[in-house]
Amino acid sequence: MNWLYLAAAILCEVFATSAMKTTEGFTRLGPSIITILGYAVAFYFLSLTLRTIPIGVAYAVWSGAGIVLISLVGWLAFGQKLDAPAIAGVGLIVAGVVVLNLFSKAGAH
């Protein structure tokens, strides 16, 4: 269940970050509220995962998955370009999260 909480935290964080792009420096009320609530829910779910998943592992997965997903959102929703080095870097992040989860004894599975 804790990994589902972590997935929910990641998705809420990506949603909040996507909304932040449209806040125009927190001058637009609707997107600003969505951003703040999204981060609050994300941190709540992240706190639930820390009951059993070590903080370093949870944060590595949270940040790695968040970077990958927000890069995809930026590309698909906001037309941001990803060049070859950016794609390679994101690929290395994915590889790091996979190695951490499949081969490390640091994580609680």
Protein backbone atom coordinates (compact mmCIF):
# COMPACT_ATOMS: atom_id res chain seq x y z
CA MET A 1 0.00 0.00 0.00
CA ASN A 2 2.89 2.36 0.73
CA TRP A 3 4.06 2.19 -2.87
CA LEU A 4 0.56 3.23 -3.95
CA TYR A 5 0.80 6.19 -1.58
CA LEU A 6 4.13 7.07 -3.16
CA ALA A 7 2.60 6.84 -6.65
CA ALA A 8 -0.24 9.13 -5.53
CA ALA A 9 2.29 11.57 -4.08
CA ILE A 10 4.23 11.63 -7.35
CA LEU A 11 1.12 12.17 -9.46
CA CYS A 12 -0.13 14.98 -7.20
CA GLU A 13 3.28 16.64 -7.31
CA VAL A 14 3.40 16.45 -11.11
CA PHE A 15 -0.14 17.84 -11.32
CA ALA A 16 0.78 20.70 -8.96
CA THR A 17 3.97 21.49 -10.85
CA SER A 18 2.04 21.51 -14.13
CA ALA A 19 -0.48 23.91 -12.63
CA MET A 20 2.35 26.11 -11.33
CA LYS A 21 3.42 26.74 -14.92
CA THR A 22 0.09 28.51 -15.49
CA THR A 23 0.04 30.58 -12.25
CA GLU A 24 2.06 33.38 -13.86
CA GLY A 25 4.06 33.93 -10.68
CA PHE A 26 1.07 33.13 -8.45
CA THR A 27 -0.89 36.05 -9.89
CA ARG A 28 -3.71 33.82 -11.18
CA LEU A 29 -5.91 32.57 -8.35
CA GLY A 30 -7.28 29.30 -9.80
CA PRO A 31 -3.98 27.74 -10.87
CA SER A 32 -2.35 29.03 -7.67
CA ILE A 33 -4.93 27.25 -5.50
CA ILE A 34 -4.54 24.05 -7.55
CA THR A 35 -0.77 24.25 -7.10
CA ILE A 36 -0.92 24.75 -3.35
CA LEU A 37 -3.52 22.02 -2.80
CA GLY A 38 -1.69 19.63 -5.12
CA TYR A 39 1.54 20.03 -3.18
CA ALA A 40 -0.27 19.68 0.16
CA VAL A 41 -1.85 16.39 -0.95
CA ALA A 42 1.46 15.23 -2.44
CA PHE A 43 3.33 15.84 0.81
CA TYR A 44 0.58 14.14 2.79
CA PHE A 45 0.88 10.98 0.67
CA LEU A 46 4.68 11.18 0.80
CA SER A 47 4.50 11.32 4.60
CA LEU A 48 2.42 8.14 4.61
CA THR A 49 5.05 6.28 2.60
CA LEU A 50 7.74 7.15 5.11
CA ARG A 51 6.16 4.80 7.64
CA THR A 52 7.87 1.87 5.94
CA ILE A 53 9.88 3.09 2.95
CA PRO A 54 13.24 4.62 3.92
CA ILE A 55 13.32 8.37 3.31
CA GLY A 56 16.27 8.20 0.88
CA VAL A 57 14.59 5.56 -1.25
CA ALA A 58 11.20 7.28 -1.18
CA TYR A 59 12.72 10.62 -2.14
CA ALA A 60 14.85 9.09 -4.90
CA VAL A 61 11.79 7.46 -6.45
CA TRP A 62 9.66 10.59 -5.87
CA SER A 63 12.14 12.96 -7.47
CA GLY A 64 13.20 10.62 -10.28
CA ALA A 65 9.68 9.73 -11.34
CA GLY A 66 8.61 13.36 -10.93
CA ILE A 67 11.40 14.58 -13.22
CA VAL A 68 10.52 12.05 -15.88
CA LEU A 69 6.78 12.75 -15.72
CA ILE A 70 7.09 16.54 -15.62
CA SER A 71 9.46 16.37 -18.59
CA LEU A 72 6.79 14.47 -20.49
CA VAL A 73 4.10 16.97 -19.44
CA GLY A 74 6.32 19.85 -20.53
CA TRP A 75 6.84 18.22 -23.89
CA LEU A 76 3.23 17.13 -24.48
CA ALA A 77 1.25 19.96 -22.86
CA PHE A 78 3.56 22.95 -23.14
CA GLY A 79 5.50 22.16 -26.32
CA GLN A 80 8.87 22.18 -24.61
CA LYS A 81 11.65 20.55 -26.60
CA LEU A 82 13.75 17.67 -25.30
CA ASP A 83 17.07 17.32 -27.10
CA ALA A 84 19.22 14.19 -27.11
CA PRO A 85 21.21 15.11 -23.97
CA ALA A 86 17.96 15.83 -22.09
CA ILE A 87 16.49 12.49 -23.15
CA ALA A 88 19.72 10.72 -22.18
CA GLY A 89 19.68 12.41 -18.77
CA VAL A 90 16.08 11.43 -18.15
CA GLY A 91 16.97 7.89 -19.21
CA LEU A 92 19.78 7.81 -16.65
CA ILE A 93 17.35 8.96 -13.95
CA VAL A 94 14.98 6.14 -14.87
CA ALA A 95 17.89 3.69 -14.80
CA GLY A 96 18.89 4.93 -11.35
CA VAL A 97 15.40 4.45 -9.94
CA VAL A 98 15.19 0.96 -11.47
CA VAL A 99 18.59 -0.04 -10.05
CA LEU A 100 17.66 1.32 -6.64
CA ASN A 101 14.41 -0.63 -6.55
CA LEU A 102 15.54 -3.89 -8.12
CA PHE A 103 19.05 -4.34 -6.79
CA SER A 104 19.46 -2.31 -3.60
CA LYS A 105 18.72 -3.72 -0.18
CA ALA A 106 18.10 -0.15 1.07
CA GLY A 107 14.45 -0.18 0.00
CA ALA A 108 11.65 -1.84 1.91
CA HIS A 109 9.73 -3.92 -0.62
